[in-house]
Amino acid sequence: MGDTQRQINQLREQVETLMREHVTPAVTDIADRAETVVRRGREQAEAVSGQVQERPLLAILVAVGIGYLLGRFLSP
């Protein structure tokens, strides 16, 4: 029974080391990248919103044009 417990303890230590050295830094990196993407997305949304407010007629025409093209491409 003592040998089994020792093996379990070794495995637990190996898992903890892997988590500390590999998994945690990878998760942190992914979270940082996701935060950057969200920030850039918000910045782009604000820029588009500003353009729409400056040129509402052009924004409507672009939206109509895109809707028309999508309708033509997606209809049988």
N, C-alpha and C. Protein backbone atom coordinates (compact mmCIF):
# COMPACT_ATOMS: atom_id res chain seq x y z
N MET A 1 0.83 -1.20 0.00
CA MET A 1 0.00 0.00 0.00
C MET A 1 0.86 1.25 0.00
N GLY A 2 2.00 1.21 0.67
CA GLY A 2 2.88 2.36 0.73
C GLY A 2 3.46 2.72 -0.63
N ASP A 3 3.76 1.72 -1.45
CA ASP A 3 4.30 1.95 -2.79
C ASP A 3 3.25 2.63 -3.67
N THR A 4 2.01 2.21 -3.53
CA THR A 4 0.92 2.82 -4.31
C THR A 4 0.75 4.28 -3.93
N GLN A 5 0.78 4.56 -2.66
CA GLN A 5 0.63 5.95 -2.19
C GLN A 5 1.79 6.81 -2.69
N ARG A 6 2.98 6.25 -2.70
CA ARG A 6 4.14 6.99 -3.18
C ARG A 6 3.99 7.30 -4.67
N GLN A 7 3.50 6.34 -5.44
CA GLN A 7 3.29 6.56 -6.87
C GLN A 7 2.22 7.63 -7.10
N ILE A 8 1.17 7.59 -6.31
CA ILE A 8 0.11 8.60 -6.42
C ILE A 8 0.68 9.98 -6.12
N ASN A 9 1.49 10.09 -5.09
CA ASN A 9 2.10 11.36 -4.73
C ASN A 9 3.02 11.87 -5.85
N GLN A 10 3.78 10.95 -6.45
CA GLN A 10 4.66 11.36 -7.55
C GLN A 10 3.83 11.85 -8.74
N LEU A 11 2.78 11.15 -9.06
CA LEU A 11 1.92 11.58 -10.16
C LEU A 11 1.29 12.94 -9.88
N ARG A 12 0.85 13.13 -8.65
CA ARG A 12 0.26 14.41 -8.29
C ARG A 12 1.28 15.54 -8.43
N GLU A 13 2.50 15.30 -8.01
CA GLU A 13 3.56 16.30 -8.15
C GLU A 13 3.85 16.59 -9.61
N GLN A 14 3.83 15.55 -10.45
CA GLN A 14 4.07 15.75 -11.88
C GLN A 14 2.96 16.58 -12.50
N VAL A 15 1.72 16.29 -12.13
CA VAL A 15 0.58 17.05 -12.65
C VAL A 15 0.67 18.50 -12.19
N GLU A 16 0.99 18.73 -10.95
CA GLU A 16 1.12 20.09 -10.44
C GLU A 16 2.22 20.85 -11.16
N THR A 17 3.33 20.18 -11.43
CA THR A 17 4.43 20.81 -12.17
C THR A 17 4.00 21.16 -13.58
N LEU A 18 3.33 20.23 -14.25
CA LEU A 18 2.85 20.50 -15.61
C LEU A 18 1.88 21.69 -15.62
N MET A 19 0.99 21.72 -14.66
CA MET A 19 0.04 22.83 -14.58
C MET A 19 0.77 24.15 -14.38
N ARG A 20 1.70 24.17 -13.47
CA ARG A 20 2.42 25.39 -13.13
C ARG A 20 3.30 25.86 -14.28
N GLU A 21 3.97 24.93 -14.95
CA GLU A 21 4.95 25.32 -15.97
C GLU A 21 4.37 25.46 -17.37
N HIS A 22 3.28 24.77 -17.67
CA HIS A 22 2.79 24.76 -19.05
C HIS A 22 1.36 25.27 -19.18
N VAL A 23 0.46 24.70 -18.42
CA VAL A 23 -0.96 25.01 -18.61
C VAL A 23 -1.29 26.44 -18.17
N THR A 24 -0.87 26.82 -16.99
CA THR A 24 -1.19 28.14 -16.48
C THR A 24 -0.63 29.25 -17.38
N PRO A 25 0.63 29.19 -17.81
CA PRO A 25 1.11 30.23 -18.73
C PRO A 25 0.35 30.24 -20.06
N ALA A 26 -0.03 29.08 -20.57
CA ALA A 26 -0.78 29.03 -21.83
C ALA A 26 -2.15 29.67 -21.67
N VAL A 27 -2.82 29.38 -20.58
CA VAL A 27 -4.14 29.97 -20.33
C VAL A 27 -4.02 31.48 -20.16
N THR A 28 -3.00 31.93 -19.47
CA THR A 28 -2.77 33.36 -19.29
C THR A 28 -2.53 34.04 -20.63
N ASP A 29 -1.73 33.41 -21.48
CA ASP A 29 -1.45 33.96 -22.81
C ASP A 29 -2.73 34.06 -23.64
N ILE A 30 -3.54 33.01 -23.61
CA ILE A 30 -4.80 33.02 -24.36
C ILE A 30 -5.73 34.11 -23.84
N ALA A 31 -5.80 34.27 -22.53
CA ALA A 31 -6.65 35.31 -21.95
C ALA A 31 -6.18 36.69 -22.37
N ASP A 32 -4.87 36.91 -22.39
CA ASP A 32 -4.32 38.19 -22.83
C ASP A 32 -4.66 38.46 -24.29
N ARG A 33 -4.53 37.44 -25.12
CA ARG A 33 -4.85 37.61 -26.54
C ARG A 33 -6.33 37.90 -26.74
N ALA A 34 -7.18 37.20 -26.00
CA ALA A 34 -8.62 37.43 -26.10
C ALA A 34 -8.97 38.85 -25.68
N GLU A 35 -8.32 39.32 -24.64
CA GLU A 35 -8.56 40.70 -24.19
C GLU A 35 -8.16 41.71 -25.26
N THR A 36 -7.05 41.45 -25.93
CA THR A 36 -6.60 42.33 -27.01
C THR A 36 -7.60 42.33 -28.16
N VAL A 37 -8.09 41.14 -28.52
CA VAL A 37 -9.06 41.05 -29.61
C VAL A 37 -10.34 41.80 -29.25
N VAL A 38 -10.81 41.64 -28.05
CA VAL A 38 -12.03 42.33 -27.62
C VAL A 38 -11.82 43.85 -27.64
N ARG A 39 -10.66 44.29 -27.16
CA ARG A 39 -10.37 45.72 -27.16
C ARG A 39 -10.35 46.27 -28.58
N ARG A 40 -9.69 45.56 -29.49
CA ARG A 40 -9.63 46.01 -30.88
C ARG A 40 -11.01 46.00 -31.53
N GLY A 41 -11.81 45.00 -31.19
CA GLY A 41 -13.18 44.94 -31.71
C GLY A 41 -14.00 46.13 -31.26
N ARG A 42 -13.86 46.49 -30.00
CA ARG A 42 -14.57 47.67 -29.50
C ARG A 42 -14.10 48.94 -30.19
N GLU A 43 -12.79 49.05 -30.39
CA GLU A 43 -12.26 50.23 -31.07
C GLU A 43 -12.81 50.32 -32.50
N GLN A 44 -12.86 49.19 -33.19
CA GLN A 44 -13.39 49.18 -34.55
C GLN A 44 -14.88 49.52 -34.57
N ALA A 45 -15.63 48.99 -33.60
CA ALA A 45 -17.06 49.30 -33.52
C ALA A 45 -17.27 50.78 -33.27
N GLU A 46 -16.45 51.38 -32.43
CA GLU A 46 -16.56 52.81 -32.18
C GLU A 46 -16.22 53.61 -33.43
N ALA A 47 -15.22 53.16 -34.18
CA ALA A 47 -14.84 53.86 -35.41
C ALA A 47 -15.96 53.78 -36.44
N VAL A 48 -16.56 52.60 -36.59
CA VAL A 48 -17.67 52.45 -37.53
C VAL A 48 -18.85 53.29 -37.08
N SER A 49 -19.13 53.28 -35.80
CA SER A 49 -20.23 54.09 -35.26
C SER A 49 -20.01 55.56 -35.56
N GLY A 50 -18.78 56.02 -35.41
CA GLY A 50 -18.47 57.42 -35.73
C GLY A 50 -18.68 57.73 -37.19
N GLN A 51 -18.29 56.81 -38.06
CA GLN A 51 -18.49 57.01 -39.50
C GLN A 51 -19.98 57.06 -39.84
N VAL A 52 -20.76 56.20 -39.21
CA VAL A 52 -22.21 56.19 -39.47
C VAL A 52 -22.83 57.49 -39.01
N GLN A 53 -22.38 58.01 -37.88
CA GLN A 53 -22.93 59.27 -37.39
C GLN A 53 -22.52 60.44 -38.28
N GLU A 54 -21.32 60.38 -38.84
CA GLU A 54 -20.86 61.45 -39.71
C GLU A 54 -21.53 61.41 -41.08
N ARG A 55 -21.79 60.19 -41.58
CA ARG A 55 -22.36 60.02 -42.92
C ARG A 55 -23.51 59.02 -42.89
N PRO A 56 -24.64 59.40 -42.33
CA PRO A 56 -25.74 58.44 -42.20
C PRO A 56 -26.30 57.97 -43.55
N LEU A 57 -26.41 58.85 -44.52
CA LEU A 57 -26.96 58.47 -45.81
C LEU A 57 -26.06 57.44 -46.49
N LEU A 58 -24.78 57.67 -46.46
CA LEU A 58 -23.83 56.71 -47.04
C LEU A 58 -23.93 55.36 -46.33
N ALA A 59 -24.07 55.38 -45.02
CA ALA A 59 -24.19 54.13 -44.25
C ALA A 59 -25.44 53.36 -44.67
N ILE A 60 -26.54 54.08 -44.88
CA ILE A 60 -27.77 53.42 -45.32
C ILE A 60 -27.60 52.83 -46.71
N LEU A 61 -26.98 53.58 -47.61
CA LEU A 61 -26.76 53.09 -48.97
C LEU A 61 -25.86 51.85 -48.99
N VAL A 62 -24.82 51.87 -48.18
CA VAL A 62 -23.93 50.71 -48.10
C VAL A 62 -24.69 49.50 -47.55
N ALA A 63 -25.49 49.70 -46.52
CA ALA A 63 -26.26 48.60 -45.94
C ALA A 63 -27.25 48.03 -46.95
N VAL A 64 -27.92 48.90 -47.69
CA VAL A 64 -28.86 48.45 -48.72
C VAL A 64 -28.11 47.68 -49.80
N GLY A 65 -26.97 48.19 -50.23
CA GLY A 65 -26.19 47.52 -51.27
C GLY A 65 -25.73 46.14 -50.82
N ILE A 66 -25.25 46.04 -49.60
CA ILE A 66 -24.81 44.75 -49.08
C ILE A 66 -26.00 43.79 -48.97
N GLY A 67 -27.12 44.28 -48.50
CA GLY A 67 -28.32 43.45 -48.40
C GLY A 67 -28.76 42.95 -49.76
N TYR A 68 -28.72 43.82 -50.75
CA TYR A 68 -29.10 43.43 -52.12
C TYR A 68 -28.17 42.34 -52.64
N LEU A 69 -26.86 42.55 -52.49
CA LEU A 69 -25.89 41.56 -52.98
C LEU A 69 -26.05 40.22 -52.27
N LEU A 70 -26.23 40.26 -50.96
CA LEU A 70 -26.43 39.01 -50.22
C LEU A 70 -27.69 38.31 -50.69
N GLY A 71 -28.74 39.07 -50.91
CA GLY A 71 -29.99 38.49 -51.40
C GLY A 71 -29.82 37.84 -52.75
N ARG A 72 -29.06 38.48 -53.63
CA ARG A 72 -28.81 37.92 -54.98
C ARG A 72 -27.97 36.65 -54.90
N PHE A 73 -26.96 36.65 -54.05
CA PHE A 73 -26.08 35.48 -53.95
C PHE A 73 -26.73 34.31 -53.23
N LEU A 74 -27.56 34.59 -52.27
CA LEU A 74 -28.12 33.52 -51.44
C LEU A 74 -29.47 32.99 -51.95
N SER A 75 -30.10 33.69 -52.88
CA SER A 75 -31.39 33.19 -53.38
C SER A 75 -31.15 32.17 -54.48
N PRO A 76 -32.03 31.16 -54.57
CA PRO A 76 -31.84 30.09 -55.56
C PRO A 76 -32.08 30.54 -56.99
